Amino acid sequence: EPEITAKVAKLKCRIYEVGISYSGRTYQEGKKIGLKDG
């Protein structure tokens, strides 16, 4: 995520954001990202 963001920024890409809905999972439900990834 930060790698691709840094690289599209260096390319001076035209970047847009669009608001989306989100239905996050708990770790019990299978969420995988953790503190070490932060």
Full PDB file with SEQRES, HELIX, SHEET, SSBOND, CRYST1, ORIGX, SCALE, CONECT and MASTER records, all heavy atoms in Angstrom:
SEQRES   1 A   38  GLU PRO GLU ILE THR ALA LYS VAL ALA LYS LEU LYS CYS          
SEQRES   2 A   38  ARG ILE TYR GLU VAL GLY ILE SER TYR SER GLY ARG THR          
SEQRES   3 A   38  TYR GLN GLU GLY LYS LYS ILE GLY LEU LYS ASP GLY              
HELIX    1 AA1 PRO A    2  LYS A   10  1                                   9    
CRYST1    1.000    1.000    1.000  90.00  90.00  90.00 P 1           1          
ORIGX1      1.000000  0.000000  0.000000        0.00000                         
ORIGX2      0.000000  1.000000  0.000000        0.00000                         
ORIGX3      0.000000  0.000000  1.000000        0.00000                         
SCALE1      1.000000  0.000000  0.000000        0.00000                         
SCALE2      0.000000  1.000000  0.000000        0.00000                         
SCALE3      0.000000  0.000000  1.000000        0.00000                         
ATOM      1  N   GLU A   1       0.815  -1.221   0.000  1.00  0.00           N  
ATOM      2  CA  GLU A   1       0.000   0.000   0.000  1.00  0.00           C  
ATOM      3  C   GLU A   1       0.853   1.278   0.000  1.00  0.00           C  
ATOM      4  O   GLU A   1       0.692   2.136  -0.876  1.00  0.00           O  
ATOM      5  CB  GLU A   1      -0.983  -0.005   1.174  1.00  0.00           C  
ATOM      6  CG  GLU A   1      -1.710  -1.323   1.430  1.00  0.00           C  
ATOM      7  CD  GLU A   1      -2.666  -1.734   0.320  1.00  0.00           C  
ATOM      8  OE1 GLU A   1      -2.849  -0.982  -0.638  1.00  0.00           O  
ATOM      9  OE2 GLU A   1      -3.246  -2.833   0.424  1.00  0.00           O  
ATOM     10  N   PRO A   2       1.768   1.458   0.972  1.00  0.00           N  
ATOM     11  CA  PRO A   2       2.613   2.655   0.912  1.00  0.00           C  
ATOM     12  C   PRO A   2       3.592   2.640  -0.252  1.00  0.00           C  
ATOM     13  O   PRO A   2       3.948   3.703  -0.774  1.00  0.00           O  
ATOM     14  CB  PRO A   2       3.341   2.659   2.264  1.00  0.00           C  
ATOM     15  CG  PRO A   2       3.257   1.264   2.760  1.00  0.00           C  
ATOM     16  CD  PRO A   2       1.978   0.704   2.229  1.00  0.00           C  
ATOM     17  N   GLU A   3       4.035   1.460  -0.671  1.00  0.00           N  
ATOM     18  CA  GLU A   3       4.969   1.392  -1.799  1.00  0.00           C  
ATOM     19  C   GLU A   3       4.308   1.906  -3.077  1.00  0.00           C  
ATOM     20  O   GLU A   3       4.863   2.765  -3.775  1.00  0.00           O  
ATOM     21  CB  GLU A   3       5.461  -0.037  -2.021  1.00  0.00           C  
ATOM     22  CG  GLU A   3       6.420  -0.145  -3.203  1.00  0.00           C  
ATOM     23  CD  GLU A   3       6.828  -1.561  -3.556  1.00  0.00           C  
ATOM     24  OE1 GLU A   3       6.267  -2.509  -2.988  1.00  0.00           O  
ATOM     25  OE2 GLU A   3       7.719  -1.721  -4.420  1.00  0.00           O  
ATOM     26  N   ILE A   4       3.143   1.381  -3.419  1.00  0.00           N  
ATOM     27  CA  ILE A   4       2.485   1.808  -4.656  1.00  0.00           C  
ATOM     28  C   ILE A   4       2.094   3.271  -4.584  1.00  0.00           C  
ATOM     29  O   ILE A   4       2.157   3.993  -5.583  1.00  0.00           O  
ATOM     30  CB  ILE A   4       1.259   0.917  -4.961  1.00  0.00           C  
ATOM     31  CG1 ILE A   4       0.790   1.108  -6.410  1.00  0.00           C  
ATOM     32  CG2 ILE A   4       0.108   1.180  -3.999  1.00  0.00           C  
ATOM     33  CD1 ILE A   4       1.639   0.493  -7.449  1.00  0.00           C  
ATOM     34  N   THR A   5       1.715   3.736  -3.390  1.00  0.00           N  
ATOM     35  CA  THR A   5       1.331   5.142  -3.242  1.00  0.00           C  
ATOM     36  C   THR A   5       2.528   6.052  -3.495  1.00  0.00           C  
ATOM     37  O   THR A   5       2.416   7.071  -4.194  1.00  0.00           O  
ATOM     38  CB  THR A   5       0.739   5.389  -1.843  1.00  0.00           C  
ATOM     39  OG1 THR A   5      -0.408   4.539  -1.658  1.00  0.00           O  
ATOM     40  CG2 THR A   5       0.324   6.840  -1.673  1.00  0.00           C  
ATOM     41  N   ALA A   6       3.676   5.703  -2.939  1.00  0.00           N  
ATOM     42  CA  ALA A   6       4.888   6.492  -3.174  1.00  0.00           C  
ATOM     43  C   ALA A   6       5.244   6.521  -4.652  1.00  0.00           C  
ATOM     44  O   ALA A   6       5.634   7.572  -5.194  1.00  0.00           O  
ATOM     45  CB  ALA A   6       6.047   5.927  -2.361  1.00  0.00           C  
ATOM     46  N   LYS A   7       5.062   5.405  -5.327  1.00  0.00           N  
ATOM     47  CA  LYS A   7       5.502   5.317  -6.721  1.00  0.00           C  
ATOM     48  C   LYS A   7       4.541   6.010  -7.680  1.00  0.00           C  
ATOM     49  O   LYS A   7       4.996   6.604  -8.669  1.00  0.00           O  
ATOM     50  CB  LYS A   7       5.742   3.852  -7.081  1.00  0.00           C  
ATOM     51  CG  LYS A   7       6.974   3.327  -6.338  1.00  0.00           C  
ATOM     52  CD  LYS A   7       7.304   1.869  -6.603  1.00  0.00           C  
ATOM     53  CE  LYS A   7       8.595   1.508  -5.869  1.00  0.00           C  
ATOM     54  NZ  LYS A   7       8.992   0.097  -6.065  1.00  0.00           N  
ATOM     55  N   VAL A   8       3.235   5.970  -7.416  1.00  0.00           N  
ATOM     56  CA  VAL A   8       2.332   6.730  -8.288  1.00  0.00           C  
ATOM     57  C   VAL A   8       2.496   8.229  -8.034  1.00  0.00           C  
ATOM     58  O   VAL A   8       2.339   9.051  -8.952  1.00  0.00           O  
ATOM     59  CB  VAL A   8       0.854   6.296  -8.136  1.00  0.00           C  
ATOM     60  CG1 VAL A   8       0.671   4.856  -8.558  1.00  0.00           C  
ATOM     61  CG2 VAL A   8       0.317   6.530  -6.746  1.00  0.00           C  
ATOM     62  N   ALA A   9       2.852   8.599  -6.807  1.00  0.00           N  
ATOM     63  CA  ALA A   9       3.102  10.018  -6.522  1.00  0.00           C  
ATOM     64  C   ALA A   9       4.328  10.510  -7.289  1.00  0.00           C  
ATOM     65  O   ALA A   9       4.326  11.614  -7.843  1.00  0.00           O  
ATOM     66  CB  ALA A   9       3.295  10.224  -5.020  1.00  0.00           C  
ATOM     67  N   LYS A  10       5.387   9.699  -7.336  1.00  0.00           N  
ATOM     68  CA  LYS A  10       6.601  10.087  -8.060  1.00  0.00           C  
ATOM     69  C   LYS A  10       6.353  10.213  -9.558  1.00  0.00           C  
ATOM     70  O   LYS A  10       7.028  10.987 -10.246  1.00  0.00           O  
ATOM     71  CB  LYS A  10       7.719   9.080  -7.784  1.00  0.00           C  
ATOM     72  CG  LYS A  10       8.291   9.167  -6.375  1.00  0.00           C  
ATOM     73  CD  LYS A  10       9.403   8.150  -6.160  1.00  0.00           C  
ATOM     74  CE  LYS A  10       9.980   8.269  -4.755  1.00  0.00           C  
ATOM     75  NZ  LYS A  10      11.058   7.281  -4.508  1.00  0.00           N  
ATOM     76  N   LEU A  11       5.374   9.453 -10.069  1.00  0.00           N  
ATOM     77  CA  LEU A  11       5.037   9.533 -11.489  1.00  0.00           C  
ATOM     78  C   LEU A  11       4.137  10.727 -11.813  1.00  0.00           C  
ATOM     79  O   LEU A  11       3.805  10.950 -12.979  1.00  0.00           O  
ATOM     80  CB  LEU A  11       4.327   8.244 -11.927  1.00  0.00           C  
ATOM     81  CG  LEU A  11       5.189   6.989 -12.027  1.00  0.00           C  
ATOM     82  CD1 LEU A  11       4.315   5.783 -12.350  1.00  0.00           C  
ATOM     83  CD2 LEU A  11       6.280   7.153 -13.077  1.00  0.00           C  
ATOM     84  N   LYS A  12       3.757  11.490 -10.777  1.00  0.00           N  
ATOM     85  CA  LYS A  12       2.878  12.652 -10.958  1.00  0.00           C  
ATOM     86  C   LYS A  12       1.532  12.233 -11.572  1.00  0.00           C  
ATOM     87  O   LYS A  12       0.973  12.938 -12.429  1.00  0.00           O  
ATOM     88  CB  LYS A  12       3.534  13.729 -11.825  1.00  0.00           C  
ATOM     89  CG  LYS A  12       4.914  14.166 -11.354  1.00  0.00           C  
ATOM     90  CD  LYS A  12       4.877  14.792  -9.975  1.00  0.00           C  
ATOM     91  CE  LYS A  12       6.254  15.280  -9.539  1.00  0.00           C  
ATOM     92  NZ  LYS A  12       6.254  15.808  -8.156  1.00  0.00           N  
ATOM     93  N   CYS A  13       1.040  11.076 -11.148  1.00  0.00           N  
ATOM     94  CA  CYS A  13      -0.244  10.591 -11.663  1.00  0.00           C  
ATOM     95  C   CYS A  13      -1.382  11.491 -11.205  1.00  0.00           C  
ATOM     96  O   CYS A  13      -1.319  12.104 -10.134  1.00  0.00           O  
ATOM     97  CB  CYS A  13      -0.506   9.170 -11.157  1.00  0.00           C  
ATOM     98  SG  CYS A  13       0.644   7.945 -11.779  1.00  0.00           S  
ATOM     99  N   ARG A  14      -2.418  11.520 -12.003  1.00  0.00           N  
ATOM    100  CA  ARG A  14      -3.662  12.183 -11.604  1.00  0.00           C  
ATOM    101  C   ARG A  14      -4.440  11.202 -10.738  1.00  0.00           C  
ATOM    102  O   ARG A  14      -4.935  10.197 -11.227  1.00  0.00           O  
ATOM    103  CB  ARG A  14      -4.474  12.588 -12.825  1.00  0.00           C  
ATOM    104  CG  ARG A  14      -3.763  13.576 -13.752  1.00  0.00           C  
ATOM    105  CD  ARG A  14      -4.539  13.742 -15.047  1.00  0.00           C  
ATOM    106  NE  ARG A  14      -4.648  12.473 -15.765  1.00  0.00           N  
ATOM    107  CZ  ARG A  14      -5.462  12.257 -16.802  1.00  0.00           C  
ATOM    108  NH1 ARG A  14      -6.259  13.229 -17.231  1.00  0.00           N  
ATOM    109  NH2 ARG A  14      -5.492  11.075 -17.398  1.00  0.00           N  
ATOM    110  N   ILE A  15      -4.511  11.486  -9.433  1.00  0.00           N  
ATOM    111  CA  ILE A  15      -5.106  10.563  -8.470  1.00  0.00           C  
ATOM    112  C   ILE A  15      -6.415  11.141  -7.953  1.00  0.00           C  
ATOM    113  O   ILE A  15      -6.470  12.304  -7.543  1.00  0.00           O  
ATOM    114  CB  ILE A  15      -4.151  10.304  -7.294  1.00  0.00           C  
ATOM    115  CG1 ILE A  15      -2.791   9.801  -7.808  1.00  0.00           C  
ATOM    116  CG2 ILE A  15      -4.762   9.309  -6.314  1.00  0.00           C  
ATOM    117  CD1 ILE A  15      -1.721   9.737  -6.741  1.00  0.00           C  
ATOM    118  N   TYR A  16      -7.448  10.329  -7.983  1.00  0.00           N  
ATOM    119  CA  TYR A  16      -8.745  10.712  -7.427  1.00  0.00           C  
ATOM    120  C   TYR A  16      -9.119   9.752  -6.311  1.00  0.00           C  
ATOM    121  O   TYR A  16      -8.671   8.593  -6.290  1.00  0.00           O  
ATOM    122  CB  TYR A  16      -9.835  10.674  -8.504  1.00  0.00           C  
ATOM    123  CG  TYR A  16      -9.980  11.957  -9.286  1.00  0.00           C  
ATOM    124  CD1 TYR A  16      -8.949  12.396 -10.109  1.00  0.00           C  
ATOM    125  CD2 TYR A  16     -11.136  12.732  -9.199  1.00  0.00           C  
ATOM    126  CE1 TYR A  16      -9.062  13.573 -10.838  1.00  0.00           C  
ATOM    127  CE2 TYR A  16     -11.264  13.902  -9.924  1.00  0.00           C  
ATOM    128  CZ  TYR A  16     -10.223  14.316 -10.737  1.00  0.00           C  
ATOM    129  OH  TYR A  16     -10.354  15.489 -11.448  1.00  0.00           O  
ATOM    130  N   GLU A  17      -9.953  10.218  -5.379  1.00  0.00           N  
ATOM    131  CA  GLU A  17     -10.560   9.368  -4.373  1.00  0.00           C  
ATOM    132  C   GLU A  17     -12.076   9.339  -4.576  1.00  0.00           C  
ATOM    133  O   GLU A  17     -12.681  10.347  -4.944  1.00  0.00           O  
ATOM    134  CB  GLU A  17     -10.274   9.873  -2.959  1.00  0.00           C  
ATOM    135  CG  GLU A  17      -8.891   9.577  -2.458  1.00  0.00           C  
ATOM    136  CD  GLU A  17      -8.726   9.903  -0.977  1.00  0.00           C  
ATOM    137  OE1 GLU A  17      -9.046  11.043  -0.587  1.00  0.00           O  
ATOM    138  OE2 GLU A  17      -8.293   9.032  -0.227  1.00  0.00           O  
ATOM    139  N   VAL A  18     -12.669   8.188  -4.310  1.00  0.00           N  
ATOM    140  CA  VAL A  18     -14.118   8.020  -4.348  1.00  0.00           C  
ATOM    141  C   VAL A  18     -14.537   7.385  -3.025  1.00  0.00           C  
ATOM    142  O   VAL A  18     -13.958   6.376  -2.609  1.00  0.00           O  
ATOM    143  CB  VAL A  18     -14.546   7.109  -5.521  1.00  0.00           C  
ATOM    144  CG1 VAL A  18     -16.050   6.817  -5.460  1.00  0.00           C  
ATOM    145  CG2 VAL A  18     -14.185   7.755  -6.858  1.00  0.00           C  
ATOM    146  N   GLY A  19     -15.505   7.953  -2.357  1.00  0.00           N  
ATOM    147  CA  GLY A  19     -15.987   7.383  -1.107  1.00  0.00           C  
ATOM    148  C   GLY A  19     -16.651   6.032  -1.332  1.00  0.00           C  
ATOM    149  O   GLY A  19     -17.413   5.857  -2.286  1.00  0.00           O  
ATOM    150  N   ILE A  20     -16.344   5.078  -0.469  1.00  0.00           N  
ATOM    151  CA  ILE A  20     -16.909   3.735  -0.582  1.00  0.00           C  
ATOM    152  C   ILE A  20     -17.480   3.304   0.769  1.00  0.00           C  
ATOM    153  O   ILE A  20     -17.126   3.848   1.822  1.00  0.00           O  
ATOM    154  CB  ILE A  20     -15.855   2.704  -1.030  1.00  0.00           C  
ATOM    155  CG1 ILE A  20     -14.669   2.682  -0.051  1.00  0.00           C  
ATOM    156  CG2 ILE A  20     -15.389   2.979  -2.456  1.00  0.00           C  
ATOM    157  CD1 ILE A  20     -13.709   1.535  -0.248  1.00  0.00           C  
ATOM    158  N   SER A  21     -18.345   2.300   0.731  1.00  0.00           N  
ATOM    159  CA  SER A  21     -18.810   1.680   1.966  1.00  0.00           C  
ATOM    160  C   SER A  21     -17.745   0.688   2.445  1.00  0.00           C  
ATOM    161  O   SER A  21     -16.824   0.333   1.703  1.00  0.00           O  
ATOM    162  CB  SER A  21     -20.139   0.961   1.739  1.00  0.00           C  
ATOM    163  OG  SER A  21     -19.989  -0.056   0.766  1.00  0.00           O  
ATOM    164  N   TYR A  22     -17.891   0.227   3.688  1.00  0.00           N  
ATOM    165  CA  TYR A  22     -16.892  -0.679   4.235  1.00  0.00           C  
ATOM    166  C   TYR A  22     -17.530  -1.576   5.278  1.00  0.00           C  
ATOM    167  O   TYR A  22     -18.207  -1.096   6.187  1.00  0.00           O  
ATOM    168  CB  TYR A  22     -15.738   0.117   4.853  1.00  0.00           C  
ATOM    169  CG  TYR A  22     -14.626  -0.741   5.423  1.00  0.00           C  
ATOM    170  CD1 TYR A  22     -13.895  -1.595   4.601  1.00  0.00           C  
ATOM    171  CD2 TYR A  22     -14.307  -0.690   6.776  1.00  0.00           C  
ATOM    172  CE1 TYR A  22     -12.870  -2.382   5.116  1.00  0.00           C  
ATOM    173  CE2 TYR A  22     -13.278  -1.464   7.296  1.00  0.00           C  
ATOM    174  CZ  TYR A  22     -12.570  -2.312   6.464  1.00  0.00           C  
ATOM    175  OH  TYR A  22     -11.561  -3.087   6.970  1.00  0.00           O  
ATOM    176  N   SER A  23     -17.327  -2.878   5.131  1.00  0.00           N  
ATOM    177  CA  SER A  23     -17.858  -3.852   6.088  1.00  0.00           C  
ATOM    178  C   SER A  23     -16.694  -4.663   6.641  1.00  0.00           C  
ATOM    179  O   SER A  23     -16.428  -5.787   6.227  1.00  0.00           O  
ATOM    180  CB  SER A  23     -18.878  -4.771   5.400  1.00  0.00           C  
ATOM    181  OG  SER A  23     -19.405  -5.714   6.306  1.00  0.00           O  
ATOM    182  N   GLY A  24     -15.962  -4.053   7.566  1.00  0.00           N  
ATOM    183  CA  GLY A  24     -14.744  -4.669   8.089  1.00  0.00           C  
ATOM    184  C   GLY A  24     -15.010  -5.948   8.865  1.00  0.00           C  
ATOM    185  O   GLY A  24     -16.102  -6.164   9.394  1.00  0.00           O  
ATOM    186  N   ARG A  25     -13.978  -6.792   8.923  1.00  0.00           N  
ATOM    187  CA  ARG A  25     -14.060  -8.044   9.670  1.00  0.00           C  
ATOM    188  C   ARG A  25     -13.302  -7.934  10.988  1.00  0.00           C  
ATOM    189  O   ARG A  25     -12.353  -7.153  11.107  1.00  0.00           O  
ATOM    190  CB  ARG A  25     -13.464  -9.203   8.870  1.00  0.00           C  
ATOM    191  CG  ARG A  25     -14.183  -9.526   7.604  1.00  0.00           C  
ATOM    192  CD  ARG A  25     -13.698 -10.837   7.017  1.00  0.00           C  
ATOM    193  NE  ARG A  25     -12.287 -10.820   6.632  1.00  0.00           N  
ATOM    194  CZ  ARG A  25     -11.662 -11.852   6.086  1.00  0.00           C  
ATOM    195  NH1 ARG A  25     -12.318 -12.991   5.892  1.00  0.00           N  
ATOM    196  NH2 ARG A  25     -10.390 -11.774   5.743  1.00  0.00           N  
ATOM    197  N   THR A  26     -13.701  -8.738  11.963  1.00  0.00           N  
ATOM    198  CA  THR A  26     -12.922  -8.887  13.180  1.00  0.00           C  
ATOM    199  C   THR A  26     -11.810  -9.904  12.915  1.00  0.00           C  
ATOM    200  O   THR A  26     -11.822 -10.619  11.914  1.00  0.00           O  
ATOM    201  CB  THR A  26     -13.792  -9.388  14.341  1.00  0.00           C  
ATOM    202  OG1 THR A  26     -14.257 -10.717  14.037  1.00  0.00           O  
ATOM    203  CG2 THR A  26     -14.987  -8.466  14.561  1.00  0.00           C  
ATOM    204  N   TYR A  27     -10.865  -9.990  13.851  1.00  0.00           N  
ATOM    205  CA  TYR A  27      -9.813 -11.001  13.708  1.00  0.00           C  
ATOM    206  C   TYR A  27     -10.402 -12.407  13.819  1.00  0.00           C  
ATOM    207  O   TYR A  27      -9.918 -13.339  13.175  1.00  0.00           O  
ATOM    208  CB  TYR A  27      -8.708 -10.780  14.742  1.00  0.00           C  
ATOM    209  CG  TYR A  27      -7.859  -9.579  14.397  1.00  0.00           C  
ATOM    210  CD1 TYR A  27      -8.057  -8.355  15.025  1.00  0.00           C  
ATOM    211  CD2 TYR A  27      -6.885  -9.661  13.408  1.00  0.00           C  
ATOM    212  CE1 TYR A  27      -7.290  -7.247  14.687  1.00  0.00           C  
ATOM    213  CE2 TYR A  27      -6.108  -8.562  13.066  1.00  0.00           C  
ATOM    214  CZ  TYR A  27      -6.326  -7.351  13.711  1.00  0.00           C  
ATOM    215  OH  TYR A  27      -5.574  -6.261  13.366  1.00  0.00           O  
ATOM    216  N   GLN A  28     -11.458 -12.550  14.616  1.00  0.00           N  
ATOM    217  CA  GLN A  28     -12.119 -13.844  14.728  1.00  0.00           C  
ATOM    218  C   GLN A  28     -12.784 -14.240  13.400  1.00  0.00           C  
ATOM    219  O   GLN A  28     -12.919 -15.425  13.092  1.00  0.00           O  
ATOM    220  CB  GLN A  28     -13.175 -13.811  15.840  1.00  0.00           C  
ATOM    221  CG  GLN A  28     -12.604 -13.690  17.249  1.00  0.00           C  
ATOM    222  CD  GLN A  28     -12.089 -12.292  17.569  1.00  0.00           C  
ATOM    223  OE1 GLN A  28     -12.504 -11.314  16.947  1.00  0.00           O  
ATOM    224  NE2 GLN A  28     -11.180 -12.202  18.537  1.00  0.00           N  
ATOM    225  N   GLU A  29     -13.165 -13.247  12.611  1.00  0.00           N  
ATOM    226  CA  GLU A  29     -13.802 -13.507  11.325  1.00  0.00           C  
ATOM    227  C   GLU A  29     -12.796 -13.677  10.187  1.00  0.00           C  
ATOM    228  O   GLU A  29     -13.191 -13.962   9.059  1.00  0.00           O  
ATOM    229  CB  GLU A  29     -14.773 -12.359  10.992  1.00  0.00           C  
ATOM    230  CG  GLU A  29     -15.985 -12.302  11.917  1.00  0.00           C  
ATOM    231  CD  GLU A  29     -16.794 -11.024  11.758  1.00  0.00           C  
ATOM    232  OE1 GLU A  29     -16.205  -9.972  11.421  1.00  0.00           O  
ATOM    233  OE2 GLU A  29     -18.013 -11.077  11.978  1.00  0.00           O  
ATOM    234  N   GLY A  30     -11.517 -13.484  10.485  1.00  0.00           N  
ATOM    235  CA  GLY A  30     -10.514 -13.758   9.461  1.00  0.00           C  
ATOM    236  C   GLY A  30      -9.628 -12.595   9.063  1.00  0.00           C  
ATOM    237  O   GLY A  30      -8.822 -12.728   8.136  1.00  0.00           O  
ATOM    238  N   LYS A  31      -9.734 -11.452   9.741  1.00  0.00           N  
ATOM    239  CA  LYS A  31      -8.869 -10.314   9.396  1.00  0.00           C  
ATOM    240  C   LYS A  31      -7.408 -10.703   9.621  1.00  0.00           C  
ATOM    241  O   LYS A  31      -7.078 -11.333  10.629  1.00  0.00           O  
ATOM    242  CB  LYS A  31      -9.237  -9.099  10.241  1.00  0.00           C  
ATOM    243  CG  LYS A  31      -8.644  -7.810   9.722  1.00  0.00           C  
ATOM    244  CD  LYS A  31      -9.249  -6.621  10.453  1.00  0.00           C  
ATOM    245  CE  LYS A  31      -8.870  -5.311   9.769  1.00  0.00           C  
ATOM    246  NZ  LYS A  31      -9.496  -5.181   8.451  1.00  0.00           N  
ATOM    247  N   LYS A  32      -6.527 -10.311   8.704  1.00  0.00           N  
ATOM    248  CA  LYS A  32      -5.152 -10.810   8.742  1.00  0.00           C  
ATOM    249  C   LYS A  32      -4.099  -9.755   9.074  1.00  0.00           C  
ATOM    250  O   LYS A  32      -3.048 -10.074   9.593  1.00  0.00           O  
ATOM    251  CB  LYS A  32      -4.800 -11.458   7.394  1.00  0.00           C  
ATOM    252  CG  LYS A  32      -5.690 -12.664   7.062  1.00  0.00           C  
ATOM    253  CD  LYS A  32      -5.316 -13.260   5.727  1.00  0.00           C  
ATOM    254  CE  LYS A  32      -6.174 -14.483   5.426  1.00  0.00           C  
ATOM    255  NZ  LYS A  32      -7.569 -14.122   5.153  1.00  0.00           N  
ATOM    256  N   ILE A  33      -4.342  -8.498   8.759  1.00  0.00           N  
ATOM    257  CA  ILE A  33      -3.321  -7.474   8.978  1.00  0.00           C  
ATOM    258  C   ILE A  33      -3.105  -7.268  10.473  1.00  0.00           C  
ATOM    259  O   ILE A  33      -4.045  -7.302  11.270  1.00  0.00           O  
ATOM    260  CB  ILE A  33      -3.716  -6.155   8.277  1.00  0.00           C  
ATOM    261  CG1 ILE A  33      -2.512  -5.216   8.209  1.00  0.00           C  
ATOM    262  CG2 ILE A  33      -4.908  -5.505   8.950  1.00  0.00           C  
ATOM    263  CD1 ILE A  33      -2.732  -4.031   7.287  1.00  0.00           C  
ATOM    264  N   GLY A  34      -1.846  -7.089  10.881  1.00  0.00           N  
ATOM    265  CA  GLY A  34      -1.532  -6.965  12.299  1.00  0.00           C  
ATOM    266  C   GLY A  34      -0.560  -5.840  12.594  1.00  0.00           C  
ATOM    267  O   GLY A  34      -0.168  -5.070  11.711  1.00  0.00           O  
ATOM    268  N   LEU A  35      -0.142  -5.771  13.859  1.00  0.00           N  
ATOM    269  CA  LEU A  35       0.713  -4.686  14.316  1.00  0.00           C  
ATOM    270  C   LEU A  35       2.041  -4.654  13.561  1.00  0.00           C  
ATOM    271  O   LEU A  35       2.530  -3.580  13.199  1.00  0.00           O  
ATOM    272  CB  LEU A  35       0.964  -4.819  15.819  1.00  0.00           C  
ATOM    273  CG  LEU A  35       1.767  -3.699  16.487  1.00  0.00           C  
ATOM    274  CD1 LEU A  35       1.055  -2.354  16.342  1.00  0.00           C  
ATOM    275  CD2 LEU A  35       1.992  -4.027  17.969  1.00  0.00           C  
ATOM    276  N   LYS A  36       2.626  -5.823  13.307  1.00  0.00           N  
ATOM    277  CA  LYS A  36       3.921  -5.832  12.619  1.00  0.00           C  
ATOM    278  C   LYS A  36       3.795  -5.270  11.201  1.00  0.00           C  
ATOM    279  O   LYS A  36       4.745  -4.685  10.671  1.00  0.00           O  
ATOM    280  CB  LYS A  36       4.509  -7.239  12.586  1.00  0.00           C  
ATOM    281  CG  LYS A  36       3.768  -8.243  11.735  1.00  0.00           C  
ATOM    282  CD  LYS A  36       4.483  -9.592  11.745  1.00  0.00           C  
ATOM    283  CE  LYS A  36       3.779 -10.608  10.865  1.00  0.00           C  
ATOM    284  NZ  LYS A  36       4.477 -11.924  10.860  1.00  0.00           N  
ATOM    285  N   ASP A  37       2.597  -5.421  10.596  1.00  0.00           N  
ATOM    286  CA  ASP A  37       2.391  -4.834   9.273  1.00  0.00           C  
ATOM    287  C   ASP A  37       2.350  -3.310   9.359  1.00  0.00           C  
ATOM    288  O   ASP A  37       2.762  -2.632   8.420  1.00  0.00           O  
ATOM    289  CB  ASP A  37       1.092  -5.361   8.663  1.00  0.00           C  
ATOM    290  CG  ASP A  37       1.150  -6.862   8.410  1.00  0.00           C  
ATOM    291  OD1 ASP A  37       2.054  -7.290   7.673  1.00  0.00           O  
ATOM    292  OD2 ASP A  37       0.311  -7.586   8.955  1.00  0.00           O  
ATOM    293  N   GLY A  38       1.854  -2.790  10.479  1.00  0.00           N  
ATOM    294  CA  GLY A  38       1.873  -1.345  10.674  1.00  0.00           C  
ATOM    295  C   GLY A  38       3.289  -0.804  10.753  1.00  0.00           C  
ATOM    296  O   GLY A  38       3.608   0.230  10.149  1.00  0.00           O  
TER     297      GLY A  38                                                      
MASTER        0    0    0    1    0    0    0    6  296    1    0    3          
END                                                                             
